[in-house]
Protein backbone atom coordinates (compact mmCIF):
# COMPACT_ATOMS: atom_id res chain seq x y z
CA MET A 1 -28.95 -20.46 -12.50
CA MET A 2 -27.29 -23.86 -12.83
CA LEU A 3 -28.47 -26.57 -15.17
CA GLN A 4 -30.51 -29.30 -13.52
CA PHE A 5 -31.08 -32.79 -14.90
CA GLU A 6 -34.14 -34.80 -13.91
CA SER A 7 -33.72 -38.47 -14.76
CA HIS A 8 -36.89 -40.07 -16.11
CA ASN A 9 -35.86 -43.66 -16.82
CA VAL A 10 -33.57 -46.10 -18.56
CA ARG A 11 -35.45 -48.25 -21.02
CA GLY A 12 -34.30 -50.22 -24.04
CA GLY A 13 -30.71 -49.10 -23.51
CA THR A 14 -31.56 -45.38 -23.58
CA TRP A 15 -31.31 -43.03 -20.60
CA ARG A 16 -33.96 -40.32 -20.72
CA GLY A 17 -34.47 -37.16 -18.74
CA ARG A 18 -35.07 -33.44 -18.81
CA LEU A 19 -32.58 -30.60 -18.58
CA SER A 20 -33.62 -27.15 -17.34
CA GLY A 21 -32.37 -24.08 -15.54
CA GLY A 22 -30.20 -22.21 -18.00
CA ALA A 23 -28.88 -21.98 -21.53
CA ALA A 24 -28.38 -25.19 -23.46
CA PRO A 25 -24.83 -26.51 -23.25
CA ASP A 26 -22.85 -27.00 -26.46
CA ARG A 27 -22.91 -30.78 -25.90
CA VAL A 28 -24.18 -33.28 -23.35
CA VAL A 29 -22.03 -36.41 -23.23
CA LEU A 30 -21.90 -39.69 -21.34
CA SER A 31 -18.59 -40.50 -19.69
CA HIS A 32 -17.35 -43.86 -18.36
CA GLN A 33 -13.98 -44.18 -16.62
CA GLY A 34 -12.93 -40.75 -17.86
CA GLU A 35 -13.73 -41.45 -21.51
CA THR A 36 -16.60 -40.02 -23.55
CA VAL A 37 -18.65 -43.02 -24.70
CA ALA A 38 -21.77 -41.37 -26.20
CA GLU A 39 -23.32 -38.02 -27.03
CA ALA A 40 -26.84 -37.17 -25.93
CA ARG A 41 -29.60 -35.87 -28.15
CA LEU A 42 -31.26 -32.65 -26.92
CA THR A 43 -34.77 -31.69 -28.02
CA ALA A 44 -36.39 -28.38 -27.04
CA ASP A 45 -39.19 -28.96 -24.52
CA GLY A 46 -40.88 -25.79 -23.22
CA ASP A 47 -38.38 -24.00 -20.98
CA GLY A 48 -35.90 -26.88 -21.09
CA TRP A 49 -34.70 -29.81 -23.17
CA ARG A 50 -35.53 -33.47 -23.40
CA VAL A 51 -32.33 -35.52 -23.14
CA GLU A 52 -31.80 -39.00 -24.58
CA VAL A 53 -28.53 -40.88 -24.62
CA ASP A 54 -27.95 -44.45 -25.78
CA LEU A 55 -25.94 -46.61 -23.40
CA PRO A 56 -23.18 -48.38 -25.35
CA GLY A 57 -23.03 -52.15 -24.82
CA ALA A 58 -19.32 -51.85 -24.06
CA VAL A 59 -20.07 -50.22 -20.68
CA VAL A 60 -22.19 -53.15 -19.49
CA SER A 61 -19.99 -55.63 -17.65
CA ASP A 62 -19.78 -57.49 -14.35
CA GLY A 63 -19.81 -55.40 -11.21
CA VAL A 64 -20.78 -51.79 -10.72
CA GLN A 65 -20.21 -49.37 -13.59
CA THR A 66 -20.77 -45.64 -13.05
CA LEU A 67 -21.75 -43.47 -16.00
CA ILE A 68 -21.59 -39.69 -15.71
CA LEU A 69 -23.71 -37.28 -17.75
CA LEU A 70 -21.72 -34.11 -18.46
CA ALA A 71 -22.69 -30.73 -19.89
CA GLU A 72 -19.88 -29.36 -22.04
CA THR A 73 -19.53 -25.71 -23.01
CA ASP A 74 -16.60 -24.48 -25.09
CA ASP A 75 -15.62 -21.75 -22.60
CA GLN A 76 -16.09 -23.66 -19.32
CA PRO A 77 -15.02 -26.99 -17.81
CA PRO A 78 -17.55 -29.85 -18.07
CA ALA A 79 -20.31 -29.81 -15.43
CA THR A 80 -21.65 -33.04 -13.94
CA LEU A 81 -25.41 -33.30 -14.46
CA ALA A 82 -26.07 -36.82 -13.12
CA ARG A 83 -24.62 -40.22 -12.35
CA LEU A 84 -26.05 -43.59 -13.31
CA ALA A 85 -24.88 -46.82 -11.68
CA LEU A 86 -25.24 -50.05 -13.65
CA LEU A 87 -25.11 -53.26 -11.60
CA ALA A 88 -24.61 -56.61 -13.27
CA GLY A 89 -23.11 -60.09 -13.06
CA ARG A 90 -21.70 -62.40 -10.42
CA PRO A 91 -19.17 -60.00 -8.92
CA LEU A 92 -22.13 -57.83 -8.00
CA GLU A 93 -22.98 -60.02 -5.02
CA ASP A 94 -19.48 -59.59 -3.61
CA ASP A 95 -19.55 -55.83 -4.30
CA LEU A 96 -22.86 -55.42 -2.49
CA LEU A 97 -21.80 -57.54 0.47
CA ALA A 98 -18.60 -55.50 0.84
CA GLU A 99 -20.57 -52.24 0.62
CA ILE A 100 -23.08 -53.44 3.22
CA ALA A 101 -20.25 -54.48 5.54
CA ALA A 102 -18.63 -51.04 5.18
CA LEU A 103 -21.94 -49.29 5.88
CA ARG A 104 -22.50 -51.45 8.97
CA ALA A 105 -19.04 -50.58 10.29
CA GLU A 106 -19.68 -46.87 9.76
CA LEU A 107 -23.08 -47.14 11.44
CA GLU A 108 -21.54 -48.84 14.48
CA LEU A 109 -18.97 -46.05 14.72
CA VAL A 110 -21.70 -43.39 14.59
CA LYS A 111 -23.76 -45.26 17.22
CA ARG A 112 -20.75 -45.52 19.55
CA GLU A 113 -19.99 -41.79 19.21
CA LEU A 114 -23.63 -40.84 19.78
CA ARG A 115 -23.73 -42.95 22.92
CA LYS A 116 -20.66 -41.09 24.23
CA VAL A 117 -22.31 -37.74 23.58
CA ALA A 118 -25.67 -38.84 25.05
CA GLN A 119 -24.20 -40.15 28.34
CA PRO A 120 -25.00 -37.88 31.26
CA GLN A 121 -22.03 -35.95 32.51
CA GLY A 122 -21.52 -36.65 36.16
């Protein structure tokens, strides 16, 4: 069975959650732009583990920053457990507007294709 991470919250600069579904990995780390930026603390919790990882201040900057929680085992490649998006600053407005515009364009494409399919064949 694969490991599953259930995110509980981010509060006070710490991301908390619960890991279950298999043996504990050797390490659980937080990655940002391909670099390991923090190591999580695992605490046994019934049939799983409580996970806490402090978010380094260096990863908080304008725009959208994506943090990835990875399970590392010495004999296997890292497995992605979860992603956390941090949104901050002035560039955020431009990022969101661009994302909304892209979603609208995709939605219009889907609507157009559905209309073609739904037209009665004569």
